[in-house]
Amino acid sequence: MPSRTVYTHGFHASVLRSHTWRTAENSAAYLLPHLRAGADVLDIGCGPGTITADLAERVGPGRVTAADVSEEVLEQARRTAADRGLANVDFTVADVHALDFPDDSFDVVHAHQVLQHVTDPVQALREMRRVCRPGGVVAARDSDYQAMTWYPHNRPLEEWRDLYRAVAAANGGEPDAGRTLLSWARRAGFTEIEPSASTWCYATPGERAWWSEMWAERMTASAIARQAVEQGRADDEALRRIAAGWRGWGAAEDGWFAVLHGEILCRA
């Protein structure tokens, strides 16, 4: 695993349940109009590969290279592609700070929820630009934890947000990356940048049950729970209280939760 990247969420089953929900439509809609058949795509931080597979379906016969820091999660991405009958996807372990590809290798370089976790997002964007062909597109989308909002008021969720932001920052990341993507892209040397924003919203009974239970489990069983304890920021009792708060929010008939994402489309 690259030494300069600490993935705060880890790869616990509760995390991967969230990641496998993601599609190109709900997580990369801003990029879809810029895809074309025959394009070569690099998908950085591909995780279990559901977005990757959607991209591959859209650009075939072009190829998609799925890259991640974890060989373990790449195995799941391979299964995702195989289950969907896709033969135009390659897989590789990669560090976005130093990509092992020649200059001008891809038409599209995409990263979803990646730059918030890396130590040097500006260098990461420089590398994404380097491997993108002239006239191609570098695309990134990241959430903004400070901007997440919900109803009804729930003090344990306030604790959750403060705790997550502190742990992620201690790991060298920027949990509020969504708002800084445009600034990072400018510092990386891009001059043609299309910034935008979009949201995920969880408000139906099914959505609330899924989102709340996923986070409740993360806060007691995933890497974020272990890191919070190791960093001295929470104990098991606090984590159980936060998990109970998530379940309480999920049971609220008028519960509503919104996740804000910043987005950038940069012309190489």
Protein backbone atom coordinates (compact mmCIF):
# COMPACT_ATOMS: atom_id res chain seq x y z
CA MET A 1 0.00 0.00 0.00
CA PRO A 2 1.49 3.40 -0.93
CA SER A 3 2.95 5.05 2.15
CA ARG A 4 1.46 8.46 1.49
CA THR A 5 -2.14 7.29 1.33
CA VAL A 6 -4.20 6.27 4.35
CA TYR A 7 -7.70 5.22 3.35
CA THR A 8 -9.69 6.30 6.39
CA HIS A 9 -12.75 4.17 5.61
CA GLY A 10 -10.87 0.93 5.02
CA PHE A 11 -12.48 -2.02 3.24
CA HIS A 12 -14.83 -3.48 5.84
CA ALA A 13 -18.02 -5.05 4.47
CA SER A 14 -20.04 -2.06 5.71
CA VAL A 15 -17.87 0.25 3.58
CA LEU A 16 -18.07 -1.92 0.48
CA ARG A 17 -21.88 -2.08 0.78
CA SER A 18 -21.87 1.66 0.29
CA HIS A 19 -19.36 1.56 -2.55
CA THR A 20 -21.20 -1.12 -4.51
CA TRP A 21 -24.32 1.08 -4.48
CA ARG A 22 -22.47 3.65 -6.56
CA THR A 23 -23.10 3.88 -10.29
CA ALA A 24 -22.00 6.22 -13.04
CA GLU A 25 -25.48 7.75 -12.95
CA ASN A 26 -25.56 8.53 -9.22
CA SER A 27 -21.86 9.27 -8.78
CA ALA A 28 -20.42 10.53 -12.08
CA ALA A 29 -23.32 12.11 -13.96
CA TYR A 30 -21.26 15.27 -14.58
CA LEU A 31 -18.75 13.18 -16.55
CA LEU A 32 -21.11 11.11 -18.71
CA PRO A 33 -21.64 13.69 -21.51
CA HIS A 34 -17.87 13.72 -22.06
CA LEU A 35 -17.54 9.97 -22.66
CA ARG A 36 -17.43 8.48 -26.16
CA ALA A 37 -17.11 5.04 -27.65
CA GLY A 38 -13.47 4.10 -28.13
CA ALA A 39 -12.11 6.34 -25.38
CA ASP A 40 -9.42 5.00 -23.06
CA VAL A 41 -10.22 5.69 -19.40
CA LEU A 42 -8.23 5.51 -16.17
CA ASP A 43 -10.48 5.04 -13.13
CA ILE A 44 -8.43 5.87 -10.03
CA GLY A 45 -9.62 4.52 -6.69
CA CYS A 46 -12.00 2.15 -8.43
CA GLY A 47 -12.97 0.24 -5.28
CA PRO A 48 -15.31 -2.68 -6.00
CA GLY A 49 -15.69 -1.52 -9.59
CA THR A 50 -19.35 -0.66 -10.05
CA ILE A 51 -18.63 2.80 -11.50
CA THR A 52 -15.74 1.31 -13.48
CA ALA A 53 -18.05 -1.23 -15.09
CA ASP A 54 -20.53 1.48 -16.06
CA LEU A 55 -17.75 3.50 -17.67
CA ALA A 56 -16.50 0.44 -19.55
CA GLU A 57 -19.96 -0.21 -20.97
CA ARG A 58 -20.09 3.35 -22.28
CA VAL A 59 -16.67 3.60 -23.89
CA GLY A 60 -16.28 0.13 -25.45
CA PRO A 61 -14.38 -0.82 -27.54
CA GLY A 62 -12.17 1.62 -25.64
CA ARG A 63 -10.48 0.22 -22.54
CA VAL A 64 -10.84 1.18 -18.90
CA THR A 65 -7.94 0.73 -16.50
CA ALA A 66 -9.19 0.23 -12.94
CA ALA A 67 -6.62 1.35 -10.37
CA ASP A 68 -6.67 1.13 -6.58
CA VAL A 69 -4.24 1.00 -3.68
CA SER A 70 -5.68 -2.33 -2.51
CA GLU A 71 -5.14 -5.60 -4.36
CA GLU A 72 -7.91 -7.07 -2.19
CA VAL A 73 -10.55 -4.65 -3.43
CA LEU A 74 -9.28 -5.03 -7.00
CA GLU A 75 -10.27 -8.69 -6.77
CA GLN A 76 -13.84 -7.58 -6.13
CA ALA A 77 -13.62 -5.16 -9.06
CA ARG A 78 -12.49 -8.06 -11.27
CA ARG A 79 -15.54 -10.06 -10.18
CA THR A 80 -17.81 -7.10 -10.91
CA ALA A 81 -16.47 -6.79 -14.45
CA ALA A 82 -16.64 -10.55 -15.01
CA ASP A 83 -20.23 -10.76 -13.74
CA ARG A 84 -21.21 -8.08 -16.27
CA GLY A 85 -19.38 -9.80 -19.12
CA LEU A 86 -16.91 -6.97 -19.66
CA ALA A 87 -13.67 -7.78 -21.46
CA ASN A 88 -12.38 -4.21 -21.85
CA VAL A 89 -11.24 -3.59 -18.25
CA ASP A 90 -7.67 -3.90 -16.95
CA PHE A 91 -6.70 -3.81 -13.27
CA THR A 92 -3.63 -2.47 -11.49
CA VAL A 93 -2.43 -1.39 -8.06
CA ALA A 94 -1.46 2.28 -8.29
CA ASP A 95 -0.53 5.33 -6.22
CA VAL A 96 -2.15 8.46 -7.65
CA HIS A 97 0.84 10.52 -6.45
CA ALA A 98 3.11 8.63 -8.88
CA LEU A 99 1.18 6.84 -11.60
CA ASP A 100 3.08 4.12 -13.44
CA PHE A 101 1.83 5.09 -16.89
CA PRO A 102 3.51 7.00 -19.72
CA ASP A 103 2.53 10.57 -20.50
CA ASP A 104 -0.61 11.00 -22.63
CA SER A 105 -1.95 7.48 -22.03
CA PHE A 106 -5.69 8.11 -21.53
CA ASP A 107 -8.53 10.19 -22.95
CA VAL A 108 -10.30 10.40 -19.59
CA VAL A 109 -8.81 10.22 -16.07
CA HIS A 110 -11.45 9.88 -13.36
CA ALA A 111 -11.30 9.81 -9.55
CA HIS A 112 -14.36 9.46 -7.34
CA GLN A 113 -13.96 10.16 -3.60
CA VAL A 114 -10.17 9.83 -3.85
CA LEU A 115 -8.56 13.24 -3.48
CA GLN A 116 -10.00 13.73 0.01
CA HIS A 117 -7.82 10.85 1.22
CA VAL A 118 -4.44 11.60 -0.35
CA THR A 119 -1.60 13.50 1.28
CA ASP A 120 -0.91 15.74 -1.72
CA PRO A 121 -4.02 16.24 -3.87
CA VAL A 122 -2.32 18.86 -6.04
CA GLN A 123 0.43 16.41 -6.95
CA ALA A 124 -2.24 13.78 -7.58
CA LEU A 125 -3.98 16.10 -10.03
CA ARG A 126 -0.67 16.88 -11.72
CA GLU A 127 -0.16 13.16 -12.24
CA MET A 128 -3.71 12.76 -13.54
CA ARG A 129 -3.02 15.58 -15.97
CA ARG A 130 0.31 14.07 -17.05
CA VAL A 131 -1.22 10.74 -18.09
CA CYS A 132 -4.18 12.40 -19.84
CA ARG A 133 -3.88 13.06 -23.57
CA PRO A 134 -3.99 16.67 -24.80
CA GLY A 135 -7.62 17.67 -25.14
CA GLY A 136 -8.72 14.90 -22.80
CA VAL A 137 -10.63 15.26 -19.54
CA VAL A 138 -9.54 14.92 -15.92
CA ALA A 139 -12.58 14.50 -13.66
CA ALA A 140 -12.84 14.39 -9.87
CA ARG A 141 -15.73 14.30 -7.42
CA ASP A 142 -15.39 14.46 -3.63
CA SER A 143 -17.77 14.88 -0.74
CA ASP A 144 -17.64 17.69 1.81
CA TYR A 145 -18.22 16.41 5.34
CA GLN A 146 -18.62 19.80 6.97
CA ALA A 147 -21.41 20.58 4.49
CA MET A 148 -23.37 17.38 5.15
CA THR A 149 -26.71 18.16 6.74
CA TRP A 150 -29.65 16.27 8.20
CA TYR A 151 -32.96 16.46 10.00
CA PRO A 152 -34.05 16.04 12.75
CA HIS A 153 -31.32 17.36 15.02
CA ASN A 154 -29.24 14.51 16.36
CA ARG A 155 -26.34 15.23 18.73
CA PRO A 156 -24.57 11.88 18.12
CA LEU A 157 -24.46 12.69 14.39
CA GLU A 158 -22.76 15.97 15.27
CA GLU A 159 -20.22 13.91 17.23
CA TRP A 160 -19.86 11.56 14.25
CA ARG A 161 -19.06 14.38 11.85
CA ASP A 162 -16.56 16.02 14.19
CA LEU A 163 -14.89 12.68 14.89
CA TYR A 164 -14.68 11.64 11.25
CA ARG A 165 -13.20 14.98 10.19
CA ALA A 166 -10.61 14.83 12.95
CA VAL A 167 -9.55 11.26 12.15
CA ALA A 168 -9.38 11.90 8.40
CA ALA A 169 -7.31 15.05 8.90
CA ALA A 170 -4.93 13.18 11.23
CA ASN A 171 -4.48 10.61 8.46
CA GLY A 172 -3.29 13.38 6.14
CA GLY A 173 -6.55 13.80 4.22
CA GLU A 174 -8.98 16.67 3.66
CA PRO A 175 -12.50 15.58 4.62
CA ASP A 176 -14.00 18.78 3.19
CA ALA A 177 -12.36 18.25 -0.20
CA GLY A 178 -15.46 19.00 -2.24
CA ARG A 179 -15.11 22.74 -1.71
CA THR A 180 -11.38 22.78 -2.52
CA LEU A 181 -11.30 20.81 -5.79
CA LEU A 182 -11.37 23.94 -7.94
CA SER A 183 -8.49 25.49 -5.97
CA TRP A 184 -6.44 22.29 -6.19
CA ALA A 185 -7.02 22.04 -9.94
CA ARG A 186 -5.84 25.62 -10.48
CA ARG A 187 -2.73 24.94 -8.39
CA ALA A 188 -2.08 21.81 -10.45
CA GLY A 189 -1.87 23.94 -13.58
CA PHE A 190 -5.26 23.45 -15.19
CA THR A 191 -6.69 26.52 -16.90
CA GLU A 192 -9.88 25.10 -18.44
CA ILE A 193 -11.95 23.93 -15.47
CA GLU A 194 -15.69 23.34 -15.22
CA PRO A 195 -16.65 23.23 -11.53
CA SER A 196 -20.01 21.93 -10.34
CA ALA A 197 -21.77 20.30 -7.40
CA SER A 198 -24.31 17.55 -6.82
CA THR A 199 -25.84 15.67 -3.92
CA TRP A 200 -26.89 12.32 -2.60
CA CYS A 201 -30.08 12.46 -0.54
CA TYR A 202 -31.41 9.75 1.77
CA ALA A 203 -34.98 10.37 2.87
CA THR A 204 -37.24 7.41 2.02
CA PRO A 205 -37.69 4.68 4.65
CA GLY A 206 -35.53 2.28 2.68
CA GLU A 207 -32.79 4.84 2.09
CA ARG A 208 -32.75 5.88 5.74
CA ALA A 209 -32.54 2.28 6.92
CA TRP A 210 -29.67 1.49 4.56
CA TRP A 211 -27.64 4.66 5.14
CA SER A 212 -28.06 4.69 8.92
CA GLU A 213 -27.27 1.00 9.47
CA MET A 214 -24.26 1.22 7.18
CA TRP A 215 -22.80 4.10 9.19
CA ALA A 216 -23.76 2.55 12.52
CA GLU A 217 -21.79 -0.55 11.60
CA ARG A 218 -18.86 1.47 10.28
CA MET A 219 -18.60 3.31 13.59
CA THR A 220 -18.19 0.12 15.58
CA ALA A 221 -16.53 -2.37 13.22
CA SER A 222 -14.63 -0.66 10.37
CA ALA A 223 -11.24 1.03 10.07
CA ILE A 224 -12.63 4.40 11.13
CA ALA A 225 -13.62 2.91 14.51
CA ARG A 226 -10.18 1.40 15.05
CA GLN A 227 -8.41 4.61 14.00
CA ALA A 228 -10.59 6.76 16.28
CA VAL A 229 -9.61 4.62 19.27
CA GLU A 230 -5.94 4.39 18.29
CA GLN A 231 -5.74 8.17 17.90
CA GLY A 232 -7.32 8.65 21.33
CA ARG A 233 -10.30 10.52 19.90
CA ALA A 234 -13.04 8.12 21.06
CA ASP A 235 -13.56 5.04 23.18
CA ASP A 236 -15.87 2.09 22.60
CA GLU A 237 -18.66 3.72 24.59
CA ALA A 238 -18.54 6.85 22.44
CA LEU A 239 -18.58 4.78 19.26
CA ARG A 240 -21.60 2.81 20.47
CA ARG A 241 -23.36 6.09 21.30
CA ILE A 242 -22.71 7.39 17.79
CA ALA A 243 -23.94 4.13 16.27
CA ALA A 244 -27.12 4.35 18.34
CA GLY A 245 -27.56 7.93 17.14
CA TRP A 246 -27.36 6.77 13.54
CA ARG A 247 -30.00 4.11 14.17
CA GLY A 248 -32.19 6.66 15.93
CA TRP A 249 -31.98 9.00 12.95
CA GLY A 250 -32.78 6.10 10.61
CA ALA A 251 -35.94 5.33 12.56
CA ALA A 252 -37.26 8.91 12.31
CA GLU A 253 -40.21 9.06 9.93
CA ASP A 254 -39.20 12.56 8.83
CA GLY A 255 -35.48 11.80 8.67
CA TRP A 256 -33.55 13.43 5.82
CA PHE A 257 -29.82 13.44 5.05
CA ALA A 258 -27.93 15.20 2.24
CA VAL A 259 -24.33 14.72 1.11
CA LEU A 260 -22.82 17.60 -0.89
CA HIS A 261 -20.15 16.81 -3.51
CA GLY A 262 -17.83 19.16 -5.34
CA GLU A 263 -16.93 18.23 -8.92
CA ILE A 264 -14.36 19.35 -11.48
CA LEU A 265 -13.96 18.66 -15.20
CA CYS A 266 -10.53 19.81 -16.34
CA ARG A 267 -9.31 19.95 -19.92
CA ALA A 268 -5.80 18.55 -20.26
